[in-house]
């Protein structure tokens, strides 16, 4: 079966691709993070390493600083965010506690890719997070919309964005892990979701970024 319908960009940069195909699909997924001309890692010191993140002090040669500059970088696992759209046009969101921010957030289901970041692994992670966090079972294809850097001033973390329209939703069919504290799962009409974003009710970066991609592509 085809893995996903490629991200629409201009005249269609990506076409439908099989799960094992890399080519343009692999490039779009950012599976190989290759530095462009003028960039080079000169020195690296690991300050902290945990199962969830890695903090390094680096000296990096850049196009504007060939002598190198010091930077502290945080590396996290590759992420996924999925917008589940139901047949009536509404979107399923979760409300989850976030300890660093000391509050809860309405957001699209999201998570991280465990192990290798191959194309099939990214898709599996997206489907898994949708099922575990929101009780949405993907019954067909998901549309890949692209990726973005979450906060490139301090981390090289990227998150891949999907739209899932072929879903079966059962809020009771979730499987949260011990580290998650999901308080509520709810479907919002597209108009109400737009208002929540415009009025600042939704402040989660993954959700705002994915909504921007959905709006630019005409899916909301």
C-alpha atoms as a PDB file:
ATOM      1  CA  UNK A   1       0.000   0.000   0.000  1.00  0.00           C
ATOM      2  CA  UNK A   2       1.100   3.580  -0.616  1.00  0.00           C
ATOM      3  CA  UNK A   3       2.606   5.180   2.450  1.00  0.00           C
ATOM      4  CA  UNK A   4       1.120   8.642   2.162  1.00  0.00           C
ATOM      5  CA  UNK A   5       0.053  11.243  -0.327  1.00  0.00           C
ATOM      6  CA  UNK A   6       3.050  13.573  -0.654  1.00  0.00           C
ATOM      7  CA  UNK A   7       3.077  17.116   0.634  1.00  0.00           C
ATOM      8  CA  UNK A   8       1.588  19.567  -1.866  1.00  0.00           C
ATOM      9  CA  UNK A   9       4.126  22.274  -2.609  1.00  0.00           C
ATOM     10  CA  UNK A  10       3.812  24.507  -5.642  1.00  0.00           C
ATOM     11  CA  UNK A  11       3.031  22.168  -8.529  1.00  0.00           C
ATOM     12  CA  UNK A  12       3.396  19.135  -6.280  1.00  0.00           C
ATOM     13  CA  UNK A  13       6.955  18.522  -5.137  1.00  0.00           C
ATOM     14  CA  UNK A  14       6.158  15.044  -3.915  1.00  0.00           C
ATOM     15  CA  UNK A  15       4.074  12.330  -5.519  1.00  0.00           C
ATOM     16  CA  UNK A  16       2.564   9.241  -3.917  1.00  0.00           C
ATOM     17  CA  UNK A  17       5.386   7.017  -2.660  1.00  0.00           C
ATOM     18  CA  UNK A  18       5.736   3.508  -1.301  1.00  0.00           C
ATOM     19  CA  UNK A  19       6.779   2.915   2.304  1.00  0.00           C
ATOM     20  CA  UNK A  20      10.290   1.831   1.345  1.00  0.00           C
ATOM     21  CA  UNK A  21      10.974   4.707  -1.041  1.00  0.00           C
ATOM     22  CA  UNK A  22      13.355   7.438   0.083  1.00  0.00           C
ATOM     23  CA  UNK A  23      14.290   9.731  -2.844  1.00  0.00           C
ATOM     24  CA  UNK A  24      12.294  12.961  -2.605  1.00  0.00           C
ATOM     25  CA  UNK A  25      10.225  11.469   0.194  1.00  0.00           C
ATOM     26  CA  UNK A  26      13.301  10.868   2.321  1.00  0.00           C
ATOM     27  CA  UNK A  27      14.551  14.370   1.582  1.00  0.00           C
ATOM     28  CA  UNK A  28      11.224  15.896   2.594  1.00  0.00           C
ATOM     29  CA  UNK A  29      11.244  13.873   5.795  1.00  0.00           C
ATOM     30  CA  UNK A  30      14.684  15.217   6.624  1.00  0.00           C
ATOM     31  CA  UNK A  31      16.075  11.750   7.227  1.00  0.00           C
ATOM     32  CA  UNK A  32      19.549  12.970   6.354  1.00  0.00           C
ATOM     33  CA  UNK A  33      20.380  16.237   8.083  1.00  0.00           C
ATOM     34  CA  UNK A  34      23.272  17.390   5.904  1.00  0.00           C
ATOM     35  CA  UNK A  35      24.824  20.794   6.592  1.00  0.00           C
ATOM     36  CA  UNK A  36      24.919  23.142   3.613  1.00  0.00           C
ATOM     37  CA  UNK A  37      28.139  24.679   2.271  1.00  0.00           C
ATOM     38  CA  UNK A  38      30.021  26.801   4.772  1.00  0.00           C
ATOM     39  CA  UNK A  39      28.882  24.907   7.866  1.00  0.00           C
ATOM     40  CA  UNK A  40      31.128  22.525   9.813  1.00  0.00           C
ATOM     41  CA  UNK A  41      31.247  21.117  13.339  1.00  0.00           C
ATOM     42  CA  UNK A  42      34.665  21.986  14.783  1.00  0.00           C
ATOM     43  CA  UNK A  43      34.268  20.805  18.388  1.00  0.00           C
ATOM     44  CA  UNK A  44      31.609  19.115  20.498  1.00  0.00           C
ATOM     45  CA  UNK A  45      31.344  18.477  24.246  1.00  0.00           C
ATOM     46  CA  UNK A  46      28.437  16.514  25.708  1.00  0.00           C
ATOM     47  CA  UNK A  47      27.059  18.315  28.784  1.00  0.00           C
ATOM     48  CA  UNK A  48      24.027  16.124  29.467  1.00  0.00           C
ATOM     49  CA  UNK A  49      22.554  12.977  27.967  1.00  0.00           C
ATOM     50  CA  UNK A  50      19.270  11.332  28.974  1.00  0.00           C
ATOM     51  CA  UNK A  51      16.827   8.995  27.189  1.00  0.00           C
ATOM     52  CA  UNK A  52      14.863  12.092  26.133  1.00  0.00           C
ATOM     53  CA  UNK A  53      17.460  14.693  25.168  1.00  0.00           C
ATOM     54  CA  UNK A  54      21.131  15.474  24.621  1.00  0.00           C
ATOM     55  CA  UNK A  55      22.786  18.803  25.446  1.00  0.00           C
ATOM     56  CA  UNK A  56      26.090  19.702  23.767  1.00  0.00           C
ATOM     57  CA  UNK A  57      28.445  22.670  23.749  1.00  0.00           C
ATOM     58  CA  UNK A  58      29.651  23.148  20.192  1.00  0.00           C
ATOM     59  CA  UNK A  59      32.017  25.203  18.123  1.00  0.00           C
ATOM     60  CA  UNK A  60      30.515  25.524  14.652  1.00  0.00           C
ATOM     61  CA  UNK A  61      31.903  27.109  11.507  1.00  0.00           C
ATOM     62  CA  UNK A  62      29.137  29.051   9.738  1.00  0.00           C
ATOM     63  CA  UNK A  63      29.010  30.884   6.393  1.00  0.00           C
ATOM     64  CA  UNK A  64      29.262  34.241   8.202  1.00  0.00           C
ATOM     65  CA  UNK A  65      31.680  33.057  10.917  1.00  0.00           C
ATOM     66  CA  UNK A  66      34.377  30.880   9.300  1.00  0.00           C
ATOM     67  CA  UNK A  67      36.452  31.158  12.501  1.00  0.00           C
ATOM     68  CA  UNK A  68      33.636  29.376  14.349  1.00  0.00           C
ATOM     69  CA  UNK A  69      31.186  30.332  17.073  1.00  0.00           C
ATOM     70  CA  UNK A  70      30.188  28.739  20.367  1.00  0.00           C
ATOM     71  CA  UNK A  71      26.680  27.416  20.789  1.00  0.00           C
ATOM     72  CA  UNK A  72      24.760  25.240  23.233  1.00  0.00           C
ATOM     73  CA  UNK A  73      22.482  22.828  21.379  1.00  0.00           C
ATOM     74  CA  UNK A  74      19.695  20.580  22.615  1.00  0.00           C
ATOM     75  CA  UNK A  75      18.955  17.466  20.549  1.00  0.00           C
ATOM     76  CA  UNK A  76      15.631  15.692  20.919  1.00  0.00           C
ATOM     77  CA  UNK A  77      14.002  12.805  19.096  1.00  0.00           C
ATOM     78  CA  UNK A  78      12.217  13.483  15.816  1.00  0.00           C
ATOM     79  CA  UNK A  79       8.584  14.368  16.464  1.00  0.00           C
ATOM     80  CA  UNK A  80       5.211  13.841  14.793  1.00  0.00           C
ATOM     81  CA  UNK A  81       1.980  15.840  15.020  1.00  0.00           C
ATOM     82  CA  UNK A  82      -1.313  14.677  13.522  1.00  0.00           C
ATOM     83  CA  UNK A  83      -4.537  16.560  12.804  1.00  0.00           C
ATOM     84  CA  UNK A  84      -7.391  14.003  12.911  1.00  0.00           C
ATOM     85  CA  UNK A  85     -10.374  15.286  10.905  1.00  0.00           C
ATOM     86  CA  UNK A  86     -13.688  13.467  11.301  1.00  0.00           C
ATOM     87  CA  UNK A  87     -16.257  12.973   8.490  1.00  0.00           C
ATOM     88  CA  UNK A  88     -18.290  15.975   9.738  1.00  0.00           C
ATOM     89  CA  UNK A  89     -15.239  18.249   9.331  1.00  0.00           C
ATOM     90  CA  UNK A  90     -14.462  18.600  13.033  1.00  0.00           C
ATOM     91  CA  UNK A  91     -10.973  18.037  14.474  1.00  0.00           C
ATOM     92  CA  UNK A  92     -10.080  15.915  17.513  1.00  0.00           C
ATOM     93  CA  UNK A  93      -7.855  17.626  20.091  1.00  0.00           C
ATOM     94  CA  UNK A  94      -6.538  16.537  23.467  1.00  0.00           C
ATOM     95  CA  UNK A  95      -6.058  18.612  26.633  1.00  0.00           C
ATOM     96  CA  UNK A  96      -2.809  17.645  28.317  1.00  0.00           C
ATOM     97  CA  UNK A  97      -0.799  18.846  31.313  1.00  0.00           C
ATOM     98  CA  UNK A  98       2.699  20.126  30.483  1.00  0.00           C
ATOM     99  CA  UNK A  99       5.000  20.265  33.496  1.00  0.00           C
ATOM    100  CA  UNK A 100       7.593  22.837  32.238  1.00  0.00           C
ATOM    101  CA  UNK A 101       4.838  25.358  31.434  1.00  0.00           C
ATOM    102  CA  UNK A 102       2.908  24.588  34.667  1.00  0.00           C
ATOM    103  CA  UNK A 103      -0.415  24.401  32.810  1.00  0.00           C
ATOM    104  CA  UNK A 104      -2.495  22.332  30.424  1.00  0.00           C
ATOM    105  CA  UNK A 105      -2.853  22.838  26.666  1.00  0.00           C
ATOM    106  CA  UNK A 106      -5.409  22.007  23.995  1.00  0.00           C
ATOM    107  CA  UNK A 107      -3.411  20.444  21.172  1.00  0.00           C
ATOM    108  CA  UNK A 108      -3.337  18.009  18.287  1.00  0.00           C
ATOM    109  CA  UNK A 109      -2.008  14.545  19.208  1.00  0.00           C
ATOM    110  CA  UNK A 110       1.796  14.492  19.027  1.00  0.00           C
ATOM    111  CA  UNK A 111       4.747  12.393  20.063  1.00  0.00           C
ATOM    112  CA  UNK A 112       8.246  11.221  19.219  1.00  0.00           C
ATOM    113  CA  UNK A 113       9.763   8.609  16.938  1.00  0.00           C
ATOM    114  CA  UNK A 114      11.565   5.833  18.815  1.00  0.00           C
ATOM    115  CA  UNK A 115      14.655   4.299  17.256  1.00  0.00           C
ATOM    116  CA  UNK A 116      15.599   4.933  13.642  1.00  0.00           C
ATOM    117  CA  UNK A 117      13.847   7.762  11.830  1.00  0.00           C
ATOM    118  CA  UNK A 118      12.999   5.882   8.656  1.00  0.00           C
ATOM    119  CA  UNK A 119       9.924   6.773   6.607  1.00  0.00           C
ATOM    120  CA  UNK A 120       7.938   3.743   7.881  1.00  0.00           C
ATOM    121  CA  UNK A 121       8.974   4.491  11.487  1.00  0.00           C
ATOM    122  CA  UNK A 122       7.701   8.075  11.221  1.00  0.00           C
ATOM    123  CA  UNK A 123       4.356   6.884   9.870  1.00  0.00           C
ATOM    124  CA  UNK A 124       4.057   4.226  12.580  1.00  0.00           C
ATOM    125  CA  UNK A 125       4.755   6.822  15.265  1.00  0.00           C
ATOM    126  CA  UNK A 126       2.072   9.135  13.872  1.00  0.00           C
ATOM    127  CA  UNK A 127      -0.513   6.354  13.791  1.00  0.00           C
ATOM    128  CA  UNK A 128       0.494   5.167  17.269  1.00  0.00           C
ATOM    129  CA  UNK A 129       0.236   8.593  18.877  1.00  0.00           C
ATOM    130  CA  UNK A 130      -3.153   9.182  17.279  1.00  0.00           C
ATOM    131  CA  UNK A 131      -4.481   5.916  18.686  1.00  0.00           C
ATOM    132  CA  UNK A 132      -2.888   6.142  22.122  1.00  0.00           C
ATOM    133  CA  UNK A 133      -3.595   9.807  22.843  1.00  0.00           C
ATOM    134  CA  UNK A 134      -6.921  10.429  21.112  1.00  0.00           C
ATOM    135  CA  UNK A 135      -8.465   7.019  20.453  1.00  0.00           C
ATOM    136  CA  UNK A 136      -8.360   7.604  16.693  1.00  0.00           C
ATOM    137  CA  UNK A 137      -7.669   4.540  14.556  1.00  0.00           C
ATOM    138  CA  UNK A 138      -6.354   5.363  11.083  1.00  0.00           C
ATOM    139  CA  UNK A 139      -8.274   3.202   8.592  1.00  0.00           C
ATOM    140  CA  UNK A 140      -6.567   4.451   5.422  1.00  0.00           C
ATOM    141  CA  UNK A 141      -3.851   6.801   4.284  1.00  0.00           C
ATOM    142  CA  UNK A 142      -2.568   9.869   6.066  1.00  0.00           C
ATOM    143  CA  UNK A 143      -1.548  12.961   4.143  1.00  0.00           C
ATOM    144  CA  UNK A 144       1.991  14.124   4.825  1.00  0.00           C
ATOM    145  CA  UNK A 145       2.126  17.929   4.991  1.00  0.00           C
ATOM    146  CA  UNK A 146       5.796  18.605   5.728  1.00  0.00           C
ATOM    147  CA  UNK A 147       8.124  19.198   8.652  1.00  0.00           C
ATOM    148  CA  UNK A 148       9.264  22.199  10.661  1.00  0.00           C
ATOM    149  CA  UNK A 149      11.965  23.100  13.181  1.00  0.00           C
ATOM    150  CA  UNK A 150      10.317  23.623  16.561  1.00  0.00           C
ATOM    151  CA  UNK A 151      12.781  26.191  17.980  1.00  0.00           C
ATOM    152  CA  UNK A 152      15.941  26.410  15.836  1.00  0.00           C
ATOM    153  CA  UNK A 153      17.634  28.911  18.138  1.00  0.00           C
ATOM    154  CA  UNK A 154      18.441  26.181  20.667  1.00  0.00           C
ATOM    155  CA  UNK A 155      17.440  22.790  19.248  1.00  0.00           C
ATOM    156  CA  UNK A 156      17.702  20.898  15.956  1.00  0.00           C
ATOM    157  CA  UNK A 157      14.420  19.092  16.711  1.00  0.00           C
ATOM    158  CA  UNK A 158      12.089  18.619  13.749  1.00  0.00           C
ATOM    159  CA  UNK A 159       8.441  17.605  13.786  1.00  0.00           C
ATOM    160  CA  UNK A 160       6.629  15.945  10.881  1.00  0.00           C
ATOM    161  CA  UNK A 161       3.031  16.969  10.233  1.00  0.00           C
ATOM    162  CA  UNK A 162       0.149  14.814   9.039  1.00  0.00           C
ATOM    163  CA  UNK A 163      -3.532  15.173   8.236  1.00  0.00           C
ATOM    164  CA  UNK A 164      -5.632  12.055   8.929  1.00  0.00           C
ATOM    165  CA  UNK A 165      -9.103  12.019   7.374  1.00  0.00           C
ATOM    166  CA  UNK A 166      -9.740   8.281   7.307  1.00  0.00           C
ATOM    167  CA  UNK A 167     -10.128   7.709  11.045  1.00  0.00           C
ATOM    168  CA  UNK A 168     -12.425   5.843  13.393  1.00  0.00           C
ATOM    169  CA  UNK A 169     -12.764   7.745  16.702  1.00  0.00           C
ATOM    170  CA  UNK A 170     -13.526   6.125  20.042  1.00  0.00           C
ATOM    171  CA  UNK A 171     -12.451   8.295  23.026  1.00  0.00           C
ATOM    172  CA  UNK A 172     -12.484   5.165  25.219  1.00  0.00           C
ATOM    173  CA  UNK A 173      -9.907   3.381  23.030  1.00  0.00           C
ATOM    174  CA  UNK A 174      -6.870   5.327  24.224  1.00  0.00           C
ATOM    175  CA  UNK A 175      -3.671   3.889  25.701  1.00  0.00           C
ATOM    176  CA  UNK A 176      -1.780   6.683  27.440  1.00  0.00           C
ATOM    177  CA  UNK A 177       1.614   5.865  28.854  1.00  0.00           C
ATOM    178  CA  UNK A 178       2.606   6.557  32.458  1.00  0.00           C
ATOM    179  CA  UNK A 179       4.300   9.887  31.647  1.00  0.00           C
ATOM    180  CA  UNK A 180       1.235  11.415  29.962  1.00  0.00           C
ATOM    181  CA  UNK A 181      -1.524  13.257  31.773  1.00  0.00           C
ATOM    182  CA  UNK A 182      -4.274  13.714  29.198  1.00  0.00           C
ATOM    183  CA  UNK A 183      -7.246  15.341  30.881  1.00  0.00           C
ATOM    184  CA  UNK A 184      -9.797  15.532  28.073  1.00  0.00           C
ATOM    185  CA  UNK A 185     -10.406  14.538  24.444  1.00  0.00           C
ATOM    186  CA  UNK A 186     -12.872  16.519  22.360  1.00  0.00           C
ATOM    187  CA  UNK A 187     -13.882  17.164  18.748  1.00  0.00           C
ATOM    188  CA  UNK A 188     -14.123  20.827  17.711  1.00  0.00           C
ATOM    189  CA  UNK A 189     -15.838  22.154  14.576  1.00  0.00           C
ATOM    190  CA  UNK A 190     -13.386  23.829  12.198  1.00  0.00           C
ATOM    191  CA  UNK A 191     -14.841  27.272  12.938  1.00  0.00           C
ATOM    192  CA  UNK A 192     -14.473  26.862  16.684  1.00  0.00           C
ATOM    193  CA  UNK A 193     -10.906  25.626  16.269  1.00  0.00           C
ATOM    194  CA  UNK A 194     -10.140  28.752  14.219  1.00  0.00           C
ATOM    195  CA  UNK A 195     -11.559  30.961  16.981  1.00  0.00           C
ATOM    196  CA  UNK A 196      -9.550  29.143  19.659  1.00  0.00           C
ATOM    197  CA  UNK A 197      -6.375  29.903  17.730  1.00  0.00           C
ATOM    198  CA  UNK A 198      -7.306  33.500  16.893  1.00  0.00           C
ATOM    199  CA  UNK A 199      -8.206  34.242  20.526  1.00  0.00           C
ATOM    200  CA  UNK A 200      -5.101  32.646  22.031  1.00  0.00           C
ATOM    201  CA  UNK A 201      -6.827  29.680  23.645  1.00  0.00           C
ATOM    202  CA  UNK A 202      -4.463  27.354  21.760  1.00  0.00           C
ATOM    203  CA  UNK A 203      -0.809  28.184  22.436  1.00  0.00           C
ATOM    204  CA  UNK A 204       0.910  24.868  21.713  1.00  0.00           C
ATOM    205  CA  UNK A 205       3.573  25.353  19.007  1.00  0.00           C
ATOM    206  CA  UNK A 206       3.018  21.989  17.315  1.00  0.00           C
ATOM    207  CA  UNK A 207      -0.691  22.676  16.965  1.00  0.00           C
ATOM    208  CA  UNK A 208      -0.211  26.249  15.743  1.00  0.00           C
ATOM    209  CA  UNK A 209       2.384  25.105  13.218  1.00  0.00           C
ATOM    210  CA  UNK A 210       0.208  22.301  11.896  1.00  0.00           C
ATOM    211  CA  UNK A 211      -2.850  24.557  11.698  1.00  0.00           C
ATOM    212  CA  UNK A 212      -0.841  27.078   9.673  1.00  0.00           C
ATOM    213  CA  UNK A 213       0.114  24.305   7.233  1.00  0.00           C
ATOM    214  CA  UNK A 214      -3.519  23.153   7.037  1.00  0.00           C
ATOM    215  CA  UNK A 215      -4.729  26.702   6.398  1.00  0.00           C
ATOM    216  CA  UNK A 216      -2.082  27.368   3.744  1.00  0.00           C
ATOM    217  CA  UNK A 217      -3.062  24.157   1.964  1.00  0.00           C
ATOM    218  CA  UNK A 218      -6.788  24.912   2.087  1.00  0.00           C
ATOM    219  CA  UNK A 219      -7.734  22.017   4.394  1.00  0.00           C
ATOM    220  CA  UNK A 220      -9.406  24.326   6.956  1.00  0.00           C
END
